[in-house]
PDB file of N, CA and C in Angstrom:
ATOM      1  N   GLN A   1       0.841  -1.187   0.000  1.00  0.00           N
ATOM      2  CA  GLN A   1       0.000   0.000   0.000  1.00  0.00           C
ATOM      3  C   GLN A   1       0.880   1.242   0.000  1.00  0.00           C
ATOM      4  N   VAL A   2       0.564   2.177  -0.858  1.00  0.00           N
ATOM      5  CA  VAL A   2       1.355   3.394  -0.980  1.00  0.00           C
ATOM      6  C   VAL A   2       0.769   4.480  -0.091  1.00  0.00           C
ATOM      7  N   GLN A   3       1.643   5.141   0.665  1.00  0.00           N
ATOM      8  CA  GLN A   3       1.251   6.310   1.456  1.00  0.00           C
ATOM      9  C   GLN A   3       2.231   7.435   1.161  1.00  0.00           C
ATOM     10  N   LEU A   4       1.741   8.665   1.296  1.00  0.00           N
ATOM     11  CA  LEU A   4       2.531   9.844   0.937  1.00  0.00           C
ATOM     12  C   LEU A   4       2.605  10.799   2.119  1.00  0.00           C
ATOM     13  N   VAL A   5       3.789  11.369   2.340  1.00  0.00           N
ATOM     14  CA  VAL A   5       3.969  12.357   3.403  1.00  0.00           C
ATOM     15  C   VAL A   5       4.757  13.533   2.843  1.00  0.00           C
ATOM     16  N   GLU A   6       4.132  14.705   2.846  1.00  0.00           N
ATOM     17  CA  GLU A   6       4.801  15.912   2.369  1.00  0.00           C
ATOM     18  C   GLU A   6       5.528  16.620   3.514  1.00  0.00           C
ATOM     19  N   SER A   7       6.562  17.355   3.151  1.00  0.00           N
ATOM     20  CA  SER A   7       7.261  18.200   4.111  1.00  0.00           C
ATOM     21  C   SER A   7       7.970  19.314   3.352  1.00  0.00           C
ATOM     22  N   GLY A   8       8.485  20.273   4.107  1.00  0.00           N
ATOM     23  CA  GLY A   8       9.276  21.334   3.501  1.00  0.00           C
ATOM     24  C   GLY A   8       8.590  22.680   3.398  1.00  0.00           C
ATOM     25  N   GLY A   9       7.331  22.731   3.782  1.00  0.00           N
ATOM     26  CA  GLY A   9       6.630  24.005   3.722  1.00  0.00           C
ATOM     27  C   GLY A   9       7.128  24.972   4.785  1.00  0.00           C
ATOM     28  N   GLY A  10       6.687  26.215   4.664  1.00  0.00           N
ATOM     29  CA  GLY A  10       7.091  27.215   5.636  1.00  0.00           C
ATOM     30  C   GLY A  10       6.720  28.606   5.197  1.00  0.00           C
ATOM     31  N   LEU A  11       7.259  29.575   5.915  1.00  0.00           N
ATOM     32  CA  LEU A  11       7.015  30.992   5.617  1.00  0.00           C
ATOM     33  C   LEU A  11       8.266  31.580   4.975  1.00  0.00           C
ATOM     34  N   VAL A  12       8.103  32.154   3.792  1.00  0.00           N
ATOM     35  CA  VAL A  12       9.210  32.786   3.092  1.00  0.00           C
ATOM     36  C   VAL A  12       8.758  34.140   2.567  1.00  0.00           C
ATOM     37  N   GLN A  13       9.733  34.912   2.145  1.00  0.00           N
ATOM     38  CA  GLN A  13       9.419  36.206   1.536  1.00  0.00           C
ATOM     39  C   GLN A  13       9.331  36.066   0.023  1.00  0.00           C
ATOM     40  N   SER A  14       8.654  36.995  -0.570  1.00  0.00           N
ATOM     41  CA  SER A  14       8.526  37.019  -2.021  1.00  0.00           C
ATOM     42  C   SER A  14       9.906  37.002  -2.667  1.00  0.00           C
ATOM     43  N   GLY A  15      10.072  36.148  -3.694  1.00  0.00           N
ATOM     44  CA  GLY A  15      11.340  36.019  -4.390  1.00  0.00           C
ATOM     45  C   GLY A  15      12.224  34.889  -3.891  1.00  0.00           C
ATOM     46  N   GLU A  16      11.912  34.360  -2.719  1.00  0.00           N
ATOM     47  CA  GLU A  16      12.712  33.270  -2.168  1.00  0.00           C
ATOM     48  C   GLU A  16      12.269  31.921  -2.732  1.00  0.00           C
ATOM     49  N   SER A  17      12.975  30.874  -2.306  1.00  0.00           N
ATOM     50  CA  SER A  17      12.731  29.528  -2.811  1.00  0.00           C
ATOM     51  C   SER A  17      12.394  28.571  -1.670  1.00  0.00           C
ATOM     52  N   LEU A  18      11.700  27.504  -2.024  1.00  0.00           N
ATOM     53  CA  LEU A  18      11.443  26.391  -1.124  1.00  0.00           C
ATOM     54  C   LEU A  18      11.471  25.110  -1.929  1.00  0.00           C
ATOM     55  N   ARG A  19      11.850  24.018  -1.271  1.00  0.00           N
ATOM     56  CA  ARG A  19      11.749  22.709  -1.890  1.00  0.00           C
ATOM     57  C   ARG A  19      10.865  21.827  -1.013  1.00  0.00           C
ATOM     58  N   LEU A  20       9.781  21.376  -1.599  1.00  0.00           N
ATOM     59  CA  LEU A  20       8.890  20.451  -0.915  1.00  0.00           C
ATOM     60  C   LEU A  20       9.278  19.021  -1.263  1.00  0.00           C
ATOM     61  N   SER A  21       9.094  18.141  -0.305  1.00  0.00           N
ATOM     62  CA  SER A  21       9.363  16.722  -0.510  1.00  0.00           C
ATOM     63  C   SER A  21       8.088  15.922  -0.297  1.00  0.00           C
ATOM     64  N   CYS A  22       7.959  14.876  -1.056  1.00  0.00           N
ATOM     65  CA  CYS A  22       6.854  13.927  -0.897  1.00  0.00           C
ATOM     66  C   CYS A  22       7.493  12.544  -0.788  1.00  0.00           C
ATOM     67  N   VAL A  23       7.518  12.023   0.431  1.00  0.00           N
ATOM     68  CA  VAL A  23       8.128  10.723   0.663  1.00  0.00           C
ATOM     69  C   VAL A  23       7.084   9.634   0.483  1.00  0.00           C
ATOM     70  N   VAL A  24       7.441   8.637  -0.296  1.00  0.00           N
ATOM     71  CA  VAL A  24       6.532   7.540  -0.611  1.00  0.00           C
ATOM     72  C   VAL A  24       6.882   6.331   0.233  1.00  0.00           C
ATOM     73  N   SER A  25       5.937   5.850   1.004  1.00  0.00           N
ATOM     74  CA  SER A  25       6.109   4.564   1.673  1.00  0.00           C
ATOM     75  C   SER A  25       5.382   3.526   0.833  1.00  0.00           C
ATOM     76  N   GLY A  26       6.006   2.378   0.656  1.00  0.00           N
ATOM     77  CA  GLY A  26       5.520   1.422  -0.315  1.00  0.00           C
ATOM     78  C   GLY A  26       6.403   1.502  -1.543  1.00  0.00           C
ATOM     79  N   ASP A  27       5.976   0.886  -2.611  1.00  0.00           N
ATOM     80  CA  ASP A  27       6.790   0.799  -3.818  1.00  0.00           C
ATOM     81  C   ASP A  27       6.523   1.996  -4.735  1.00  0.00           C
ATOM     82  N   ILE A  28       7.530   2.872  -4.863  1.00  0.00           N
ATOM     83  CA  ILE A  28       7.369   4.060  -5.699  1.00  0.00           C
ATOM     84  C   ILE A  28       7.169   3.677  -7.152  1.00  0.00           C
ATOM     85  N   HIS A  29       7.604   2.489  -7.543  1.00  0.00           N
ATOM     86  CA  HIS A  29       7.474   2.067  -8.936  1.00  0.00           C
ATOM     87  C   HIS A  29       6.037   1.727  -9.311  1.00  0.00           C
ATOM     88  N   LEU A  30       5.154   1.656  -8.317  1.00  0.00           N
ATOM     89  CA  LEU A  30       3.732   1.467  -8.604  1.00  0.00           C
ATOM     90  C   LEU A  30       3.070   2.757  -9.075  1.00  0.00           C
ATOM     91  N   ILE A  31       3.767   3.866  -8.886  1.00  0.00           N
ATOM     92  CA  ILE A  31       3.206   5.175  -9.210  1.00  0.00           C
ATOM     93  C   ILE A  31       3.494   5.525 -10.662  1.00  0.00           C
ATOM     94  N   ASN A  32       2.435   5.681 -11.444  1.00  0.00           N
ATOM     95  CA  ASN A  32       2.596   6.086 -12.838  1.00  0.00           C
ATOM     96  C   ASN A  32       2.936   7.562 -12.955  1.00  0.00           C
ATOM     97  N   ILE A  33       2.153   8.347 -12.241  1.00  0.00           N
ATOM     98  CA  ILE A  33       2.315   9.799 -12.277  1.00  0.00           C
ATOM     99  C   ILE A  33       2.188  10.329 -10.855  1.00  0.00           C
ATOM    100  N   MET A  34       3.097  11.221 -10.485  1.00  0.00           N
ATOM    101  CA  MET A  34       2.970  11.922  -9.213  1.00  0.00           C
ATOM    102  C   MET A  34       2.635  13.374  -9.503  1.00  0.00           C
ATOM    103  N   ASN A  35       1.480  13.774  -9.012  1.00  0.00           N
ATOM    104  CA  ASN A  35       1.026  15.138  -9.199  1.00  0.00           C
ATOM    105  C   ASN A  35       1.330  15.973  -7.952  1.00  0.00           C
ATOM    106  N   TRP A  36       1.417  17.249  -8.173  1.00  0.00           N
ATOM    107  CA  TRP A  36       1.363  18.214  -7.083  1.00  0.00           C
ATOM    108  C   TRP A  36       0.133  19.090  -7.330  1.00  0.00           C
ATOM    109  N   TYR A  37      -0.607  19.317  -6.254  1.00  0.00           N
ATOM    110  CA  TYR A  37      -1.756  20.217  -6.271  1.00  0.00           C
ATOM    111  C   TYR A  37      -1.576  21.235  -5.148  1.00  0.00           C
ATOM    112  N   ARG A  38      -2.364  22.295  -5.210  1.00  0.00           N
ATOM    113  CA  ARG A  38      -2.384  23.230  -4.096  1.00  0.00           C
ATOM    114  C   ARG A  38      -3.816  23.694  -3.853  1.00  0.00           C
ATOM    115  N   ARG A  39      -4.065  24.097  -2.608  1.00  0.00           N
ATOM    116  CA  ARG A  39      -5.407  24.516  -2.185  1.00  0.00           C
ATOM    117  C   ARG A  39      -5.314  25.869  -1.501  1.00  0.00           C
ATOM    118  N   THR A  40      -6.177  26.769  -1.922  1.00  0.00           N
ATOM    119  CA  THR A  40      -6.286  28.087  -1.293  1.00  0.00           C
ATOM    120  C   THR A  40      -7.739  28.310  -0.907  1.00  0.00           C
ATOM    121  N   PRO A  41      -8.025  29.332  -0.105  1.00  0.00           N
ATOM    122  CA  PRO A  41      -9.436  29.615   0.218  1.00  0.00           C
ATOM    123  C   PRO A  41     -10.276  29.921  -1.017  1.00  0.00           C
ATOM    124  N   VAL A  42      -9.613  30.450  -2.061  1.00  0.00           N
ATOM    125  CA  VAL A  42     -10.334  30.823  -3.274  1.00  0.00           C
ATOM    126  C   VAL A  42     -10.454  29.646  -4.237  1.00  0.00           C
ATOM    127  N   GLN A  43      -9.409  28.837  -4.309  1.00  0.00           N
ATOM    128  CA  GLN A  43      -9.380  27.726  -5.267  1.00  0.00           C
ATOM    129  C   GLN A  43      -9.125  26.429  -4.518  1.00  0.00           C
ATOM    130  N   PRO A  44     -10.149  25.606  -4.346  1.00  0.00           N
ATOM    131  CA  PRO A  44      -9.999  24.407  -3.516  1.00  0.00           C
ATOM    132  C   PRO A  44      -8.975  23.420  -4.051  1.00  0.00           C
ATOM    133  N   ARG A  45      -8.829  23.346  -5.371  1.00  0.00           N
ATOM    134  CA  ARG A  45      -7.867  22.394  -5.912  1.00  0.00           C
ATOM    135  C   ARG A  45      -7.323  22.941  -7.223  1.00  0.00           C
ATOM    136  N   GLU A  46      -6.051  23.274  -7.189  1.00  0.00           N
ATOM    137  CA  GLU A  46      -5.376  23.724  -8.402  1.00  0.00           C
ATOM    138  C   GLU A  46      -4.233  22.774  -8.713  1.00  0.00           C
ATOM    139  N   TRP A  47      -4.258  22.217  -9.897  1.00  0.00           N
ATOM    140  CA  TRP A  47      -3.175  21.345 -10.318  1.00  0.00           C
ATOM    141  C   TRP A  47      -1.928  22.175 -10.583  1.00  0.00           C
ATOM    142  N   VAL A  48      -0.794  21.734 -10.061  1.00  0.00           N
ATOM    143  CA  VAL A  48       0.472  22.456 -10.199  1.00  0.00           C
ATOM    144  C   VAL A  48       1.339  21.830 -11.277  1.00  0.00           C
ATOM    145  N   GLY A  49       1.426  20.500 -11.266  1.00  0.00           N
ATOM    146  CA  GLY A  49       2.254  19.822 -12.241  1.00  0.00           C
ATOM    147  C   GLY A  49       2.395  18.354 -11.903  1.00  0.00           C
ATOM    148  N   PHE A  50       3.117  17.624 -12.756  1.00  0.00           N
ATOM    149  CA  PHE A  50       3.354  16.210 -12.491  1.00  0.00           C
ATOM    150  C   PHE A  50       4.707  15.777 -13.025  1.00  0.00           C
ATOM    151  N   VAL A  51       5.149  14.629 -12.491  1.00  0.00           N
ATOM    152  CA  VAL A  51       6.287  13.900 -13.052  1.00  0.00           C
ATOM    153  C   VAL A  51       5.829  12.469 -13.268  1.00  0.00           C
ATOM    154  N   SER A  52       6.179  11.907 -14.407  1.00  0.00           N
ATOM    155  CA  SER A  52       5.781  10.540 -14.712  1.00  0.00           C
ATOM    156  C   SER A  52       6.843   9.550 -14.243  1.00  0.00           C
ATOM    157  N   ASN A  53       6.535   8.277 -14.402  1.00  0.00           N
ATOM    158  CA  ASN A  53       7.481   7.245 -13.975  1.00  0.00           C
ATOM    159  C   ASN A  53       8.688   7.150 -14.900  1.00  0.00           C
ATOM    160  N   VAL A  54       8.647   7.851 -16.023  1.00  0.00           N
ATOM    161  CA  VAL A  54       9.824   7.901 -16.900  1.00  0.00           C
ATOM    162  C   VAL A  54      10.448   9.292 -16.902  1.00  0.00           C
ATOM    163  N   GLY A  55       9.992  10.132 -16.001  1.00  0.00           N
ATOM    164  CA  GLY A  55      10.624  11.434 -15.836  1.00  0.00           C
ATOM    165  C   GLY A  55      10.046  12.571 -16.644  1.00  0.00           C
ATOM    166  N   ASP A  56       8.980  12.301 -17.398  1.00  0.00           N
ATOM    167  CA  ASP A  56       8.321  13.397 -18.111  1.00  0.00           C
ATOM    168  C   ASP A  56       7.652  14.321 -17.106  1.00  0.00           C
ATOM    169  N   THR A  57       7.663  15.602 -17.423  1.00  0.00           N
ATOM    170  CA  THR A  57       7.039  16.585 -16.540  1.00  0.00           C
ATOM    171  C   THR A  57       6.115  17.511 -17.325  1.00  0.00           C
ATOM    172  N   ASN A  58       5.180  18.092 -16.607  1.00  0.00           N
ATOM    173  CA  ASN A  58       4.309  19.106 -17.180  1.00  0.00           C
ATOM    174  C   ASN A  58       3.845  20.001 -16.047  1.00  0.00           C
ATOM    175  N   TYR A  59       3.576  21.273 -16.369  1.00  0.00           N
ATOM    176  CA  TYR A  59       3.280  22.255 -15.334  1.00  0.00           C
ATOM    177  C   TYR A  59       2.121  23.149 -15.738  1.00  0.00           C
ATOM    178  N   ALA A  60       1.454  23.654 -14.730  1.00  0.00           N
ATOM    179  CA  ALA A  60       0.447  24.676 -14.968  1.00  0.00           C
ATOM    180  C   ALA A  60       1.137  25.956 -15.427  1.00  0.00           C
ATOM    181  N   ASP A  61       0.454  26.710 -16.257  1.00  0.00           N
ATOM    182  CA  ASP A  61       1.048  27.945 -16.768  1.00  0.00           C
ATOM    183  C   ASP A  61       1.395  28.913 -15.640  1.00  0.00           C
ATOM    184  N   SER A  62       0.621  28.864 -14.565  1.00  0.00           N
ATOM    185  CA  SER A  62       0.829  29.802 -13.465  1.00  0.00           C
ATOM    186  C   SER A  62       2.156  29.597 -12.735  1.00  0.00           C
ATOM    187  N   VAL A  63       2.787  28.440 -12.921  1.00  0.00           N
ATOM    188  CA  VAL A  63       4.034  28.173 -12.191  1.00  0.00           C
ATOM    189  C   VAL A  63       5.233  28.023 -13.119  1.00  0.00           C
ATOM    190  N   LYS A  64       4.993  28.004 -14.427  1.00  0.00           N
ATOM    191  CA  LYS A  64       6.112  27.940 -15.372  1.00  0.00           C
ATOM    192  C   LYS A  64       6.846  29.270 -15.371  1.00  0.00           C
ATOM    193  N   PRO A  65       8.139  29.323 -15.489  1.00  0.00           N
ATOM    194  CA  PRO A  65       9.135  28.254 -15.355  1.00  0.00           C
ATOM    195  C   PRO A  65       9.722  28.178 -13.958  1.00  0.00           C
ATOM    196  N   ARG A  66       8.969  28.715 -12.984  1.00  0.00           N
ATOM    197  CA  ARG A  66       9.507  28.867 -11.636  1.00  0.00           C
ATOM    198  C   ARG A  66       9.582  27.561 -10.855  1.00  0.00           C
ATOM    199  N   PHE A  67       8.680  26.625 -11.151  1.00  0.00           N
ATOM    200  CA  PHE A  67       8.609  25.382 -10.389  1.00  0.00           C
ATOM    201  C   PHE A  67       9.179  24.224 -11.194  1.00  0.00           C
ATOM    202  N   THR A  68       9.816  23.291 -10.491  1.00  0.00           N
ATOM    203  CA  THR A  68      10.366  22.093 -11.123  1.00  0.00           C
ATOM    204  C   THR A  68      10.038  20.882 -10.262  1.00  0.00           C
ATOM    205  N   ILE A  69       9.541  19.834 -10.891  1.00  0.00           N
ATOM    206  CA  ILE A  69       9.236  18.584 -10.199  1.00  0.00           C
ATOM    207  C   ILE A  69      10.252  17.536 -10.622  1.00  0.00           C
ATOM    208  N   SER A  70      10.751  16.801  -9.644  1.00  0.00           N
ATOM    209  CA  SER A  70      11.703  15.727  -9.932  1.00  0.00           C
ATOM    210  C   SER A  70      11.427  14.559  -8.995  1.00  0.00           C
ATOM    211  N   ARG A  71      11.984  13.415  -9.318  1.00  0.00           N
ATOM    212  CA  ARG A  71      11.819  12.249  -8.466  1.00  0.00           C
ATOM    213  C   ARG A  71      13.143  11.539  -8.317  1.00  0.00           C
ATOM    214  N   ASP A  72      13.357  11.009  -7.107  1.00  0.00           N
ATOM    215  CA  ASP A  72      14.530  10.222  -6.786  1.00  0.00           C
ATOM    216  C   ASP A  72      14.019   8.876  -6.284  1.00  0.00           C
ATOM    217  N   ASP A  73      13.975   7.904  -7.173  1.00  0.00           N
ATOM    218  CA  ASP A  73      13.407   6.611  -6.800  1.00  0.00           C
ATOM    219  C   ASP A  73      14.227   5.913  -5.726  1.00  0.00           C
ATOM    220  N   ALA A  74      15.514   6.149  -5.712  1.00  0.00           N
ATOM    221  CA  ALA A  74      16.369   5.526  -4.698  1.00  0.00           C
ATOM    222  C   ALA A  74      15.996   5.996  -3.293  1.00  0.00           C
ATOM    223  N   LYS A  75      15.488   7.234  -3.209  1.00  0.00           N
ATOM    224  CA  LYS A  75      15.068   7.792  -1.921  1.00  0.00           C
ATOM    225  C   LYS A  75      13.551   7.740  -1.754  1.00  0.00           C
ATOM    226  N   SER A  76      12.857   7.176  -2.738  1.00  0.00           N
ATOM    227  CA  SER A  76      11.394   7.105  -2.698  1.00  0.00           C
ATOM    228  C   SER A  76      10.788   8.472  -2.424  1.00  0.00           C
ATOM    229  N   THR A  77      11.304   9.453  -3.105  1.00  0.00           N
ATOM    230  CA  THR A  77      10.896  10.834  -2.849  1.00  0.00           C
ATOM    231  C   THR A  77      10.678  11.584  -4.157  1.00  0.00           C
ATOM    232  N   VAL A  78       9.635  12.400  -4.156  1.00  0.00           N
ATOM    233  CA  VAL A  78       9.370  13.323  -5.256  1.00  0.00           C
ATOM    234  C   VAL A  78       9.485  14.736  -4.702  1.00  0.00           C
ATOM    235  N   TYR A  79      10.091  15.615  -5.480  1.00  0.00           N
ATOM    236  CA  TYR A  79      10.355  16.978  -5.024  1.00  0.00           C
ATOM    237  C   TYR A  79       9.596  18.000  -5.864  1.00  0.00           C
ATOM    238  N   LEU A  80       9.260  19.090  -5.208  1.00  0.00           N
ATOM    239  CA  LEU A  80       8.722  20.260  -5.899  1.00  0.00           C
ATOM    240  C   LEU A  80       9.619  21.430  -5.527  1.00  0.00           C
ATOM    241  N   GLN A  81      10.466  21.819  -6.462  1.00  0.00           N
ATOM    242  CA  GLN A  81      11.350  22.971  -6.262  1.00  0.00           C
ATOM    243  C   GLN A  81      10.616  24.223  -6.720  1.00  0.00           C
ATOM    244  N   MET A  82      10.475  25.174  -5.822  1.00  0.00           N
ATOM    245  CA  MET A  82       9.730  26.396  -6.113  1.00  0.00           C
ATOM    246  C   MET A  82      10.660  27.586  -5.976  1.00  0.00           C
ATOM    247  N   ASN A  83      10.892  28.260  -7.063  1.00  0.00           N
ATOM    248  CA  ASN A  83      11.773  29.435  -7.087  1.00  0.00           C
ATOM    249  C   ASN A  83      10.968  30.699  -7.346  1.00  0.00           C
ATOM    250  N   ASN A  84      11.554  31.824  -6.961  1.00  0.00           N
ATOM    251  CA  ASN A  84      10.920  33.115  -7.192  1.00  0.00           C
ATOM    252  C   ASN A  84       9.453  33.106  -6.731  1.00  0.00           C
ATOM    253  N   LEU A  85       9.264  32.695  -5.497  1.00  0.00           N
ATOM    254  CA  LEU A  85       7.902  32.563  -4.980  1.00  0.00           C
ATOM    255  C   LEU A  85       7.202  33.911  -4.888  1.00  0.00           C
ATOM    256  N   LYS A  86       5.902  33.870  -5.098  1.00  0.00           N
ATOM    257  CA  LYS A  86       5.060  35.055  -5.074  1.00  0.00           C
ATOM    258  C   LYS A  86       3.973  34.881  -4.011  1.00  0.00           C
ATOM    259  N   PRO A  87       3.424  35.974  -3.509  1.00  0.00           N
ATOM    260  CA  PRO A  87       2.344  35.835  -2.508  1.00  0.00           C
ATOM    261  C   PRO A  87       1.185  34.967  -3.004  1.00  0.00           C
ATOM    262  N   GLU A  88       0.908  34.999  -4.294  1.00  0.00           N
ATOM    263  CA  GLU A  88      -0.188  34.179  -4.823  1.00  0.00           C
ATOM    264  C   GLU A  88       0.117  32.687  -4.850  1.00  0.00           C
ATOM    265  N   ASP A  89       1.349  32.311  -4.523  1.00  0.00           N
ATOM    266  CA  ASP A  89       1.700  30.895  -4.381  1.00  0.00           C
ATOM    267  C   ASP A  89       1.344  30.371  -2.987  1.00  0.00           C
ATOM    268  N   THR A  90       0.911  31.254  -2.100  1.00  0.00           N
ATOM    269  CA  THR A  90       0.515  30.825  -0.761  1.00  0.00           C
ATOM    270  C   THR A  90      -0.628  29.822  -0.853  1.00  0.00           C
ATOM    271  N   ALA A  91      -0.422  28.644  -0.266  1.00  0.00           N
ATOM    272  CA  ALA A  91      -1.404  27.562  -0.381  1.00  0.00           C
ATOM    273  C   ALA A  91      -0.941  26.383   0.460  1.00  0.00           C
ATOM    274  N   VAL A  92      -1.824  25.420   0.607  1.00  0.00           N
ATOM    275  CA  VAL A  92      -1.439  24.107   1.113  1.00  0.00           C
ATOM    276  C   VAL A  92      -1.120  23.249  -0.109  1.00  0.00           C
ATOM    277  N   TYR A  93       0.051  22.658  -0.100  1.00  0.00           N
ATOM    278  CA  TYR A  93       0.513  21.869  -1.245  1.00  0.00           C
ATOM    279  C   TYR A  93       0.402  20.386  -0.916  1.00  0.00           C
ATOM    280  N   TYR A  94      -0.106  19.650  -1.890  1.00  0.00           N
ATOM    281  CA  TYR A  94      -0.311  18.213  -1.749  1.00  0.00           C
ATOM    282  C   TYR A  94       0.354  17.459  -2.890  1.00  0.00           C
ATOM    283  N   CYS A  95       0.930  16.311  -2.575  1.00  0.00           N
ATOM    284  CA  CYS A  95       1.280  15.381  -3.629  1.00  0.00           C
ATOM    285  C   CYS A  95       0.161  14.355  -3.725  1.00  0.00           C
ATOM    286  N   ALA A  96      -0.051  13.873  -4.936  1.00  0.00           N
ATOM    287  CA  ALA A  96      -1.154  12.942  -5.197  1.00  0.00           C
ATOM    288  C   ALA A  96      -0.708  11.963  -6.263  1.00  0.00           C
ATOM    289  N   ALA A  97      -0.785  10.685  -5.936  1.00  0.00           N
ATOM    290  CA  ALA A  97      -0.228   9.648  -6.791  1.00  0.00           C
ATOM    291  C   ALA A  97      -1.304   8.936  -7.592  1.00  0.00           C
ATOM    292  N   ASP A  98      -0.965   8.718  -8.852  1.00  0.00           N
ATOM    293  CA  ASP A  98      -1.808   7.925  -9.747  1.00  0.00           C
ATOM    294  C   ASP A  98      -1.163   6.542  -9.875  1.00  0.00           C
ATOM    295  N   LEU A  99      -1.892   5.539  -9.397  1.00  0.00           N
ATOM    296  CA  LEU A  99      -1.382   4.175  -9.427  1.00  0.00           C
ATOM    297  C   LEU A  99      -2.140   3.332 -10.439  1.00  0.00           C
ATOM    298  N   SER A 100      -1.442   2.358 -10.979  1.00  0.00           N
ATOM    299  CA  SER A 100      -2.102   1.418 -11.886  1.00  0.00           C
ATOM    300  C   SER A 100      -3.227   0.692 -11.163  1.00  0.00           C
ATOM    301  N   GLY A 101      -4.343   0.570 -11.847  1.00  0.00           N
ATOM    302  CA  GLY A 101      -5.452  -0.192 -11.292  1.00  0.00           C
ATOM    303  C   GLY A 101      -6.345   0.575 -10.349  1.00  0.00           C
ATOM    304  N   ARG A 102      -6.024   1.857 -10.094  1.00  0.00           N
ATOM    305  CA  ARG A 102      -6.862   2.676  -9.215  1.00  0.00           C
ATOM    306  C   ARG A 102      -7.461   3.823 -10.012  1.00  0.00           C
ATOM    307  N   LEU A 103      -8.727   4.078  -9.765  1.00  0.00           N
ATOM    308  CA  LEU A 103      -9.390   5.189 -10.424  1.00  0.00           C
ATOM    309  C   LEU A 103      -9.181   6.491  -9.669  1.00  0.00           C
ATOM    310  N   ASP A 104      -8.907   6.407  -8.377  1.00  0.00           N
ATOM    311  CA  ASP A 104      -8.720   7.611  -7.580  1.00  0.00           C
ATOM    312  C   ASP A 104      -7.244   7.844  -7.323  1.00  0.00           C
ATOM    313  N   LEU A 105      -6.924   9.055  -6.891  1.00  0.00           N
ATOM    314  CA  LEU A 105      -5.559   9.401  -6.511  1.00  0.00           C
ATOM    315  C   LEU A 105      -5.347   9.132  -5.027  1.00  0.00           C
ATOM    316  N   ILE A 106      -4.113   8.814  -4.683  1.00  0.00           N
ATOM    317  CA  ILE A 106      -3.728   8.717  -3.279  1.00  0.00           C
ATOM    318  C   ILE A 106      -3.091  10.044  -2.891  1.00  0.00           C
ATOM    319  N   TRP A 107      -3.575  10.628  -1.778  1.00  0.00           N
ATOM    320  CA  TRP A 107      -3.153  11.969  -1.381  1.00  0.00           C
ATOM    321  C   TRP A 107      -2.315  11.943  -0.118  1.00  0.00           C
ATOM    322  N   GLY A 108      -1.388  12.905  -0.031  1.00  0.00           N
ATOM    323  CA  GLY A 108      -0.709  13.155   1.223  1.00  0.00           C
ATOM    324  C   GLY A 108      -1.533  14.089   2.082  1.00  0.00           C
ATOM    325  N   GLN A 109      -0.965  14.481   3.222  1.00  0.00           N
ATOM    326  CA  GLN A 109      -1.711  15.290   4.177  1.00  0.00           C
ATOM    327  C   GLN A 109      -1.573  16.784   3.906  1.00  0.00           C
ATOM    328  N   GLY A 110      -0.619  17.153   3.076  1.00  0.00           N
ATOM    329  CA  GLY A 110      -0.416  18.552   2.709  1.00  0.00           C
ATOM    330  C   GLY A 110       0.617  19.252   3.570  1.00  0.00           C
ATOM    331  N   THR A 111       1.210  20.289   3.000  1.00  0.00           N
ATOM    332  CA  THR A 111       2.161  21.130   3.731  1.00  0.00           C
ATOM    333  C   THR A 111       1.905  22.586   3.356  1.00  0.00           C
ATOM    334  N   GLN A 112       1.905  23.453   4.368  1.00  0.00           N
ATOM    335  CA  GLN A 112       1.543  24.859   4.151  1.00  0.00           C
ATOM    336  C   GLN A 112       2.739  25.655   3.661  1.00  0.00           C
ATOM    337  N   VAL A 113       2.527  26.410   2.609  1.00  0.00           N
ATOM    338  CA  VAL A 113       3.513  27.372   2.104  1.00  0.00           C
ATOM    339  C   VAL A 113       2.888  28.764   2.184  1.00  0.00           C
ATOM    340  N   THR A 114       3.586  29.669   2.846  1.00  0.00           N
ATOM    341  CA  THR A 114       3.118  31.045   2.966  1.00  0.00           C
ATOM    342  C   THR A 114       4.208  31.976   2.447  1.00  0.00           C
ATOM    343  N   VAL A 115       3.834  32.824   1.505  1.00  0.00           N
ATOM    344  CA  VAL A 115       4.777  33.762   0.898  1.00  0.00           C
ATOM    345  C   VAL A 115       4.332  35.178   1.241  1.00  0.00           C
ATOM    346  N   SER A 116       5.183  35.887   1.955  1.00  0.00           N
ATOM    347  CA  SER A 116       4.857  37.257   2.342  1.00  0.00           C
ATOM    348  C   SER A 116       5.417  38.238   1.315  1.00  0.00           C
ATOM    349  N   SER A 117       4.736  39.361   1.171  1.00  0.00           N
ATOM    350  CA  SER A 117       5.175  40.359   0.181  1.00  0.00           C
ATOM    351  C   SER A 117       6.159  41.329   0.783  1.00  0.00           C
TER     352      SER A 117
END
């Protein structure tokens, strides 16, 4: 069974960087696509981007080219590198895994990112 735990959130100033981690317990190779989403009071679920099991990536226009998603299978971890953060990036960030044979995504508990102006 795959479980996800995010970490790395915090309070930063506009223009700074953060790297979020999503640690996978279970077999990371069961994950076809690892998504990152974020939630704000205004937008309950905004897709941020994904990395596939072969390393392909795609991003929402709102975060290009500031955000980068990568995965380290040896560490069973997926990363979200966020550069040049803006106040509008303030949100709870979640990783969500798409597994073979499942119609739903598996979600982590989320990590809060707050960007002050």
